Amino acid sequence: MTASARNTGRLERQVKASRTAVWALVRDFTGIAAWHPLVQASQAAGRQEPVRPGVIRQLTMADGSSVAEELVRLSEEDRSLTYRMLPPFPLPLSSAVVTVAVGPGSTPATSIVLITGQFEAPDAATSALFASVSESTVWKAAIDGLERGGGPI
């Protein structure tokens, strides 16, 4: 049996957009390309409802690579969703699970976006690298896009 290493990532930031506006973007699971600058295209795989656990979105990234993700949990009450990446992975990962939560900000015109993830890879260095890249690049771009509300980059 091959050993694996697990790592976590976390990025939290207050944005200048209401909780309602940000949640409307996040909860549209297959609409991520409208606001995430690193996602060129997104579509539901097959004939699936876009917002319910079990739906799979197929992403085409800005660099041309493809990623498939399955919605695992959606909570209107908590304004959070959890998804998992499906193989094949862009790096040598064995699993990646991400949660995006939208909380109230310090004013009604702001919100707190919290993105957390758990990554498992064949070794600690790869797992740590994926967590670091997720925080500093992918998730930062996501929060920037949510703050713009899907507007121009």
N, C-alpha and C. Protein backbone atom coordinates (compact mmCIF):
# COMPACT_ATOMS: atom_id res chain seq x y z
N MET A 1 0.85 -1.18 0.00
CA MET A 1 0.00 0.00 0.00
C MET A 1 0.89 1.25 0.00
N THR A 2 0.53 2.24 -0.81
CA THR A 2 1.31 3.45 -0.92
C THR A 2 0.86 4.46 0.13
N ALA A 3 1.82 5.08 0.80
CA ALA A 3 1.50 6.11 1.79
C ALA A 3 1.09 7.39 1.06
N SER A 4 0.28 8.20 1.70
CA SER A 4 -0.10 9.48 1.13
C SER A 4 -0.05 10.54 2.22
N ALA A 5 -0.05 11.78 1.77
CA ALA A 5 0.02 12.91 2.70
C ALA A 5 -1.19 13.81 2.49
N ARG A 6 -1.73 14.28 3.58
CA ARG A 6 -2.90 15.16 3.53
C ARG A 6 -2.48 16.55 3.97
N ASN A 7 -3.03 17.57 3.30
CA ASN A 7 -2.75 18.94 3.65
C ASN A 7 -4.02 19.75 3.51
N THR A 8 -4.09 20.87 4.21
CA THR A 8 -5.27 21.73 4.12
C THR A 8 -4.85 23.13 3.69
N GLY A 9 -5.80 23.83 3.09
CA GLY A 9 -5.60 25.22 2.72
C GLY A 9 -6.78 26.03 3.19
N ARG A 10 -6.55 27.33 3.36
CA ARG A 10 -7.61 28.22 3.85
C ARG A 10 -7.33 29.63 3.37
N LEU A 11 -8.36 30.28 2.84
CA LEU A 11 -8.25 31.69 2.46
C LEU A 11 -9.56 32.36 2.83
N GLU A 12 -9.48 33.45 3.58
CA GLU A 12 -10.65 34.19 4.03
C GLU A 12 -10.43 35.65 3.77
N ARG A 13 -11.47 36.32 3.22
CA ARG A 13 -11.33 37.75 2.94
C ARG A 13 -12.69 38.42 2.92
N GLN A 14 -12.74 39.63 3.44
CA GLN A 14 -13.95 40.43 3.32
C GLN A 14 -13.94 41.07 1.94
N VAL A 15 -15.09 41.06 1.26
CA VAL A 15 -15.20 41.65 -0.07
C VAL A 15 -16.27 42.74 -0.06
N LYS A 16 -16.13 43.66 -1.00
CA LYS A 16 -17.06 44.77 -1.12
C LYS A 16 -18.21 44.38 -2.04
N ALA A 17 -18.98 43.41 -1.57
CA ALA A 17 -20.18 42.94 -2.26
C ALA A 17 -21.06 42.28 -1.20
N SER A 18 -22.36 42.46 -1.32
CA SER A 18 -23.26 41.92 -0.31
C SER A 18 -23.23 40.40 -0.28
N ARG A 19 -23.60 39.86 0.87
CA ARG A 19 -23.65 38.41 1.03
C ARG A 19 -24.62 37.79 0.02
N THR A 20 -25.74 38.45 -0.21
CA THR A 20 -26.73 37.95 -1.15
C THR A 20 -26.17 37.90 -2.57
N ALA A 21 -25.48 38.97 -2.97
CA ALA A 21 -24.92 39.02 -4.33
C ALA A 21 -23.82 37.97 -4.53
N VAL A 22 -22.95 37.83 -3.54
CA VAL A 22 -21.86 36.86 -3.66
C VAL A 22 -22.41 35.44 -3.64
N TRP A 23 -23.36 35.16 -2.76
CA TRP A 23 -23.93 33.82 -2.70
C TRP A 23 -24.64 33.46 -4.01
N ALA A 24 -25.30 34.40 -4.63
CA ALA A 24 -25.95 34.13 -5.92
C ALA A 24 -24.95 33.64 -6.96
N LEU A 25 -23.75 34.19 -6.95
CA LEU A 25 -22.71 33.74 -7.88
C LEU A 25 -22.18 32.36 -7.48
N VAL A 26 -21.86 32.18 -6.21
CA VAL A 26 -21.27 30.92 -5.74
C VAL A 26 -22.23 29.76 -5.93
N ARG A 27 -23.49 29.93 -5.59
CA ARG A 27 -24.45 28.82 -5.62
C ARG A 27 -24.78 28.36 -7.03
N ASP A 28 -24.51 29.19 -8.03
CA ASP A 28 -24.68 28.78 -9.43
C ASP A 28 -23.46 27.95 -9.81
N PHE A 29 -23.45 26.71 -9.38
CA PHE A 29 -22.28 25.83 -9.45
C PHE A 29 -21.68 25.75 -10.85
N THR A 30 -22.52 25.66 -11.85
CA THR A 30 -21.99 25.54 -13.21
C THR A 30 -21.75 26.89 -13.88
N GLY A 31 -22.04 27.98 -13.20
CA GLY A 31 -21.85 29.31 -13.76
C GLY A 31 -20.54 29.97 -13.38
N ILE A 32 -19.60 29.21 -12.87
CA ILE A 32 -18.34 29.74 -12.35
C ILE A 32 -17.54 30.52 -13.40
N ALA A 33 -17.65 30.17 -14.66
CA ALA A 33 -16.88 30.86 -15.71
C ALA A 33 -17.28 32.33 -15.85
N ALA A 34 -18.47 32.68 -15.38
CA ALA A 34 -18.92 34.07 -15.47
C ALA A 34 -18.18 35.00 -14.52
N TRP A 35 -17.58 34.43 -13.47
CA TRP A 35 -16.92 35.30 -12.48
C TRP A 35 -15.50 34.88 -12.10
N HIS A 36 -15.08 33.65 -12.37
CA HIS A 36 -13.73 33.21 -11.99
C HIS A 36 -12.78 33.44 -13.16
N PRO A 37 -11.80 34.33 -13.01
CA PRO A 37 -10.93 34.67 -14.14
C PRO A 37 -10.04 33.54 -14.65
N LEU A 38 -9.85 32.48 -13.88
CA LEU A 38 -9.02 31.36 -14.33
C LEU A 38 -9.84 30.27 -15.03
N VAL A 39 -11.17 30.44 -15.07
CA VAL A 39 -12.04 29.45 -15.70
C VAL A 39 -12.58 30.03 -17.00
N GLN A 40 -12.21 29.40 -18.11
CA GLN A 40 -12.62 29.87 -19.43
C GLN A 40 -14.05 29.45 -19.75
N ALA A 41 -14.41 28.22 -19.38
CA ALA A 41 -15.74 27.70 -19.68
C ALA A 41 -16.14 26.70 -18.61
N SER A 42 -17.45 26.58 -18.38
CA SER A 42 -17.99 25.62 -17.42
C SER A 42 -19.33 25.14 -17.92
N GLN A 43 -19.54 23.84 -17.82
CA GLN A 43 -20.85 23.30 -18.20
C GLN A 43 -21.16 22.08 -17.36
N ALA A 44 -22.44 21.82 -17.18
CA ALA A 44 -22.86 20.62 -16.47
C ALA A 44 -22.61 19.43 -17.36
N ALA A 45 -22.05 18.38 -16.80
CA ALA A 45 -21.83 17.15 -17.55
C ALA A 45 -23.16 16.43 -17.71
N GLY A 46 -23.55 16.14 -18.93
CA GLY A 46 -24.81 15.47 -19.18
C GLY A 46 -25.99 16.38 -18.95
N ARG A 47 -27.15 15.80 -18.74
CA ARG A 47 -28.38 16.57 -18.53
C ARG A 47 -28.69 16.57 -17.05
N GLN A 48 -28.07 17.50 -16.32
CA GLN A 48 -28.22 17.54 -14.87
C GLN A 48 -28.72 18.91 -14.45
N GLU A 49 -29.43 18.93 -13.34
CA GLU A 49 -29.82 20.21 -12.74
C GLU A 49 -28.56 20.90 -12.24
N PRO A 50 -28.41 22.20 -12.46
CA PRO A 50 -27.16 22.85 -12.08
C PRO A 50 -26.92 23.01 -10.58
N VAL A 51 -27.96 22.97 -9.75
CA VAL A 51 -27.73 23.24 -8.35
C VAL A 51 -28.35 22.17 -7.46
N ARG A 52 -27.64 21.05 -7.35
CA ARG A 52 -28.04 20.01 -6.41
C ARG A 52 -26.85 19.08 -6.24
N PRO A 53 -26.67 18.50 -5.06
CA PRO A 53 -25.58 17.56 -4.88
C PRO A 53 -25.63 16.45 -5.94
N GLY A 54 -24.45 16.11 -6.42
CA GLY A 54 -24.34 15.09 -7.45
C GLY A 54 -24.07 15.65 -8.83
N VAL A 55 -24.38 16.94 -9.04
CA VAL A 55 -24.12 17.53 -10.35
C VAL A 55 -22.61 17.61 -10.56
N ILE A 56 -22.18 17.40 -11.78
CA ILE A 56 -20.77 17.47 -12.14
C ILE A 56 -20.58 18.60 -13.14
N ARG A 57 -19.61 19.48 -12.84
CA ARG A 57 -19.28 20.53 -13.79
C ARG A 57 -17.94 20.20 -14.42
N GLN A 58 -17.87 20.46 -15.71
CA GLN A 58 -16.64 20.26 -16.47
C GLN A 58 -16.08 21.65 -16.76
N LEU A 59 -14.87 21.92 -16.25
CA LEU A 59 -14.26 23.23 -16.40
C LEU A 59 -13.17 23.18 -17.46
N THR A 60 -13.10 24.22 -18.27
CA THR A 60 -11.95 24.44 -19.13
C THR A 60 -11.24 25.64 -18.54
N MET A 61 -10.01 25.43 -18.12
CA MET A 61 -9.24 26.49 -17.48
C MET A 61 -8.62 27.41 -18.51
N ALA A 62 -8.18 28.58 -18.07
CA ALA A 62 -7.58 29.57 -18.97
C ALA A 62 -6.35 29.02 -19.68
N ASP A 63 -5.65 28.07 -19.05
CA ASP A 63 -4.46 27.48 -19.68
C ASP A 63 -4.80 26.33 -20.63
N GLY A 64 -6.10 26.04 -20.80
CA GLY A 64 -6.54 24.99 -21.70
C GLY A 64 -6.75 23.64 -21.04
N SER A 65 -6.32 23.48 -19.80
CA SER A 65 -6.52 22.20 -19.10
C SER A 65 -7.99 22.03 -18.71
N SER A 66 -8.37 20.79 -18.42
CA SER A 66 -9.74 20.47 -18.02
C SER A 66 -9.76 19.92 -16.62
N VAL A 67 -10.81 20.25 -15.88
CA VAL A 67 -11.01 19.78 -14.52
C VAL A 67 -12.50 19.45 -14.36
N ALA A 68 -12.79 18.31 -13.75
CA ALA A 68 -14.17 17.95 -13.44
C ALA A 68 -14.36 18.03 -11.93
N GLU A 69 -15.50 18.59 -11.51
CA GLU A 69 -15.80 18.73 -10.09
C GLU A 69 -17.24 18.33 -9.83
N GLU A 70 -17.46 17.64 -8.71
CA GLU A 70 -18.79 17.20 -8.33
C GLU A 70 -19.26 17.96 -7.09
N LEU A 71 -20.47 18.50 -7.16
CA LEU A 71 -21.07 19.17 -6.01
C LEU A 71 -21.46 18.11 -4.98
N VAL A 72 -20.92 18.24 -3.78
CA VAL A 72 -21.15 17.26 -2.72
C VAL A 72 -22.22 17.74 -1.75
N ARG A 73 -22.20 19.03 -1.43
CA ARG A 73 -23.11 19.58 -0.43
C ARG A 73 -23.45 21.01 -0.81
N LEU A 74 -24.72 21.38 -0.62
CA LEU A 74 -25.17 22.75 -0.85
C LEU A 74 -26.09 23.12 0.29
N SER A 75 -25.76 24.21 1.01
CA SER A 75 -26.58 24.65 2.13
C SER A 75 -27.00 26.09 1.94
N GLU A 76 -28.28 26.27 1.66
CA GLU A 76 -28.82 27.64 1.54
C GLU A 76 -28.75 28.34 2.89
N GLU A 77 -29.01 27.59 3.96
CA GLU A 77 -29.01 28.16 5.31
C GLU A 77 -27.63 28.73 5.67
N ASP A 78 -26.59 27.94 5.43
CA ASP A 78 -25.22 28.36 5.75
C ASP A 78 -24.59 29.19 4.64
N ARG A 79 -25.24 29.19 3.47
CA ARG A 79 -24.66 29.80 2.27
C ARG A 79 -23.26 29.25 2.02
N SER A 80 -23.23 27.93 1.89
CA SER A 80 -21.95 27.27 1.63
C SER A 80 -22.19 26.10 0.68
N LEU A 81 -21.13 25.74 -0.03
CA LEU A 81 -21.17 24.55 -0.85
C LEU A 81 -19.82 23.85 -0.79
N THR A 82 -19.86 22.55 -0.98
CA THR A 82 -18.66 21.73 -0.98
C THR A 82 -18.64 20.93 -2.27
N TYR A 83 -17.46 20.88 -2.89
CA TYR A 83 -17.30 20.07 -4.09
C TYR A 83 -16.00 19.29 -4.00
N ARG A 84 -15.91 18.25 -4.83
CA ARG A 84 -14.68 17.47 -4.89
C ARG A 84 -14.23 17.39 -6.33
N MET A 85 -12.92 17.43 -6.51
CA MET A 85 -12.35 17.25 -7.84
C MET A 85 -12.41 15.78 -8.20
N LEU A 86 -12.66 15.52 -9.47
CA LEU A 86 -12.72 14.14 -9.95
C LEU A 86 -11.49 13.83 -10.79
N PRO A 87 -11.03 12.58 -10.76
CA PRO A 87 -9.88 12.21 -11.59
C PRO A 87 -10.23 12.34 -13.08
N PRO A 88 -9.27 12.60 -13.93
CA PRO A 88 -7.85 12.76 -13.63
C PRO A 88 -7.56 14.14 -13.04
N PHE A 89 -6.64 14.20 -12.10
CA PHE A 89 -6.29 15.43 -11.41
C PHE A 89 -5.19 16.18 -12.16
N PRO A 90 -5.14 17.51 -12.01
CA PRO A 90 -4.11 18.30 -12.70
C PRO A 90 -2.70 18.08 -12.15
N LEU A 91 -2.60 17.61 -10.93
CA LEU A 91 -1.34 17.25 -10.29
C LEU A 91 -1.51 15.84 -9.73
N PRO A 92 -0.44 15.22 -9.29
CA PRO A 92 -0.60 13.87 -8.73
C PRO A 92 -1.30 13.90 -7.36
N LEU A 93 -2.60 14.09 -7.39
CA LEU A 93 -3.42 14.08 -6.18
C LEU A 93 -4.23 12.80 -6.14
N SER A 94 -4.62 12.39 -4.94
CA SER A 94 -5.57 11.29 -4.84
C SER A 94 -6.94 11.78 -4.40
N SER A 95 -7.01 12.99 -3.84
CA SER A 95 -8.31 13.60 -3.55
C SER A 95 -8.14 15.09 -3.29
N ALA A 96 -9.21 15.83 -3.57
CA ALA A 96 -9.26 17.27 -3.29
C ALA A 96 -10.72 17.63 -3.04
N VAL A 97 -11.00 18.17 -1.86
CA VAL A 97 -12.34 18.58 -1.46
C VAL A 97 -12.28 20.03 -1.01
N VAL A 98 -13.17 20.87 -1.56
CA VAL A 98 -13.14 22.31 -1.29
C VAL A 98 -14.51 22.78 -0.83
N THR A 99 -14.52 23.66 0.16
CA THR A 99 -15.75 24.29 0.64
C THR A 99 -15.64 25.79 0.46
N VAL A 100 -16.71 26.39 -0.06
CA VAL A 100 -16.80 27.85 -0.20
C VAL A 100 -17.99 28.29 0.65
N ALA A 101 -17.74 29.20 1.59
CA ALA A 101 -18.80 29.72 2.46
C ALA A 101 -18.83 31.24 2.34
N VAL A 102 -20.05 31.78 2.35
CA VAL A 102 -20.23 33.23 2.26
C VAL A 102 -20.94 33.69 3.52
N GLY A 103 -20.24 34.48 4.33
CA GLY A 103 -20.80 34.97 5.59
C GLY A 103 -21.05 36.46 5.54
N PRO A 104 -21.71 36.97 6.56
CA PRO A 104 -21.97 38.40 6.60
C PRO A 104 -20.68 39.18 6.84
N GLY A 105 -20.58 40.35 6.20
CA GLY A 105 -19.43 41.22 6.40
C GLY A 105 -19.70 42.22 7.52
N SER A 106 -18.85 43.21 7.61
CA SER A 106 -18.99 44.22 8.66
C SER A 106 -20.12 45.21 8.39
N THR A 107 -20.58 45.26 7.14
CA THR A 107 -21.73 46.10 6.77
C THR A 107 -22.61 45.28 5.82
N PRO A 108 -23.85 45.71 5.59
CA PRO A 108 -24.70 44.98 4.64
C PRO A 108 -24.14 44.95 3.21
N ALA A 109 -23.25 45.88 2.88
CA ALA A 109 -22.68 45.94 1.54
C ALA A 109 -21.40 45.11 1.39
N THR A 110 -21.05 44.36 2.44
CA THR A 110 -19.86 43.52 2.39
C THR A 110 -20.20 42.09 2.81
N SER A 111 -19.28 41.18 2.51
CA SER A 111 -19.44 39.80 2.94
C SER A 111 -18.06 39.21 3.18
N ILE A 112 -18.04 38.11 3.89
CA ILE A 112 -16.80 37.36 4.13
C ILE A 112 -16.86 36.10 3.29
N VAL A 113 -15.85 35.90 2.46
CA VAL A 113 -15.74 34.66 1.67
C VAL A 113 -14.64 33.83 2.31
N LEU A 114 -14.99 32.59 2.64
CA LEU A 114 -14.04 31.65 3.23
C LEU A 114 -13.97 30.42 2.33
N ILE A 115 -12.76 30.11 1.86
CA ILE A 115 -12.54 28.93 1.04
C ILE A 115 -11.56 28.03 1.79
N THR A 116 -11.95 26.79 1.99
CA THR A 116 -11.08 25.82 2.65
C THR A 116 -11.00 24.57 1.77
N GLY A 117 -9.88 23.88 1.88
CA GLY A 117 -9.72 22.67 1.09
C GLY A 117 -8.87 21.64 1.79
N GLN A 118 -9.10 20.39 1.45
CA GLN A 118 -8.29 19.28 1.94
C GLN A 118 -7.76 18.54 0.72
N PHE A 119 -6.46 18.34 0.70
CA PHE A 119 -5.80 17.73 -0.45
C PHE A 119 -4.99 16.52 0.01
N GLU A 120 -5.08 15.45 -0.75
CA GLU A 120 -4.29 14.27 -0.46
C GLU A 120 -3.46 13.94 -1.69
N ALA A 121 -2.17 13.72 -1.47
CA ALA A 121 -1.23 13.45 -2.56
C ALA A 121 -0.28 12.33 -2.13
N PRO A 122 0.49 11.82 -3.09
CA PRO A 122 1.41 10.73 -2.76
C PRO A 122 2.49 11.11 -1.73
N ASP A 123 2.80 12.41 -1.64
CA ASP A 123 3.84 12.82 -0.70
C ASP A 123 3.49 14.19 -0.12
N ALA A 124 4.12 14.53 0.99
CA ALA A 124 3.83 15.77 1.70
C ALA A 124 4.15 17.00 0.86
N ALA A 125 5.22 16.97 0.08
CA ALA A 125 5.61 18.14 -0.71
C ALA A 125 4.55 18.47 -1.76
N THR A 126 4.02 17.47 -2.45
CA THR A 126 3.00 17.71 -3.47
C THR A 126 1.71 18.20 -2.84
N SER A 127 1.31 17.61 -1.72
CA SER A 127 0.11 18.02 -1.02
C SER A 127 0.23 19.48 -0.55
N ALA A 128 1.37 19.83 0.02
CA ALA A 128 1.60 21.20 0.49
C ALA A 128 1.64 22.18 -0.69
N LEU A 129 2.24 21.77 -1.80
CA LEU A 129 2.30 22.62 -2.99
C LEU A 129 0.91 22.91 -3.51
N PHE A 130 0.05 21.89 -3.60
CA PHE A 130 -1.30 22.11 -4.11
C PHE A 130 -2.09 23.03 -3.19
N ALA A 131 -1.96 22.86 -1.88
CA ALA A 131 -2.64 23.74 -0.92
C ALA A 131 -2.16 25.17 -1.09
N SER A 132 -0.86 25.36 -1.23
CA SER A 132 -0.28 26.69 -1.38
C SER A 132 -0.72 27.37 -2.68
N VAL A 133 -0.68 26.64 -3.79
CA VAL A 133 -1.11 27.19 -5.08
C VAL A 133 -2.59 27.52 -5.05
N SER A 134 -3.38 26.66 -4.42
CA SER A 134 -4.82 26.92 -4.31
C SER A 134 -5.06 28.24 -3.59
N GLU A 135 -4.40 28.43 -2.45
CA GLU A 135 -4.58 29.65 -1.66
C GLU A 135 -4.10 30.89 -2.40
N SER A 136 -2.88 30.84 -2.93
CA SER A 136 -2.26 32.05 -3.46
C SER A 136 -2.70 32.40 -4.87
N THR A 137 -3.19 31.44 -5.63
CA THR A 137 -3.53 31.72 -7.02
C THR A 137 -5.01 31.47 -7.31
N VAL A 138 -5.44 30.22 -7.23
CA VAL A 138 -6.78 29.84 -7.65
C VAL A 138 -7.84 30.49 -6.77
N TRP A 139 -7.71 30.37 -5.45
CA TRP A 139 -8.73 30.92 -4.57
C TRP A 139 -8.67 32.43 -4.51
N LYS A 140 -7.48 33.01 -4.56
CA LYS A 140 -7.37 34.47 -4.58
C LYS A 140 -8.08 35.02 -5.81
N ALA A 141 -7.87 34.39 -6.97
CA ALA A 141 -8.55 34.82 -8.20
C ALA A 141 -10.07 34.66 -8.06
N ALA A 142 -10.50 33.58 -7.40
CA ALA A 142 -11.93 33.36 -7.19
C ALA A 142 -12.54 34.48 -6.36
N ILE A 143 -11.89 34.83 -5.26
CA ILE A 143 -12.43 35.88 -4.40
C ILE A 143 -12.39 37.23 -5.13
N ASP A 144 -11.35 37.50 -5.87
CA ASP A 144 -11.30 38.73 -6.68
C ASP A 144 -12.48 38.78 -7.64
N GLY A 145 -12.76 37.66 -8.31
CA GLY A 145 -13.88 37.59 -9.25
C GLY A 145 -15.22 37.77 -8.58
N LEU A 146 -15.38 37.19 -7.40
CA LEU A 146 -16.63 37.37 -6.65
C LEU A 146 -16.83 38.81 -6.24
N GLU A 147 -15.74 39.47 -5.84
CA GLU A 147 -15.85 40.88 -5.44
C GLU A 147 -16.25 41.75 -6.63
N ARG A 148 -15.77 41.42 -7.82
CA ARG A 148 -16.15 42.17 -9.01
C ARG A 148 -17.56 41.83 -9.46
N GLY A 149 -18.10 40.75 -8.92
CA GLY A 149 -19.46 40.36 -9.28
C GLY A 149 -19.57 39.84 -10.70
N GLY A 150 -18.48 39.29 -11.20
CA GLY A 150 -18.50 38.76 -12.56
C GLY A 150 -18.20 39.82 -13.60
N GLY A 151 -17.86 41.03 -13.14
CA GLY A 151 -17.55 42.12 -14.07
C GLY A 151 -16.18 41.93 -14.72
N PRO A 152 -15.76 42.89 -15.50
CA PRO A 152 -14.49 42.78 -16.23
C PRO A 152 -13.30 42.58 -15.32
N ILE A 153 -12.32 41.86 -15.83
CA ILE A 153 -11.09 41.59 -15.08
C ILE A 153 -10.24 42.84 -15.06
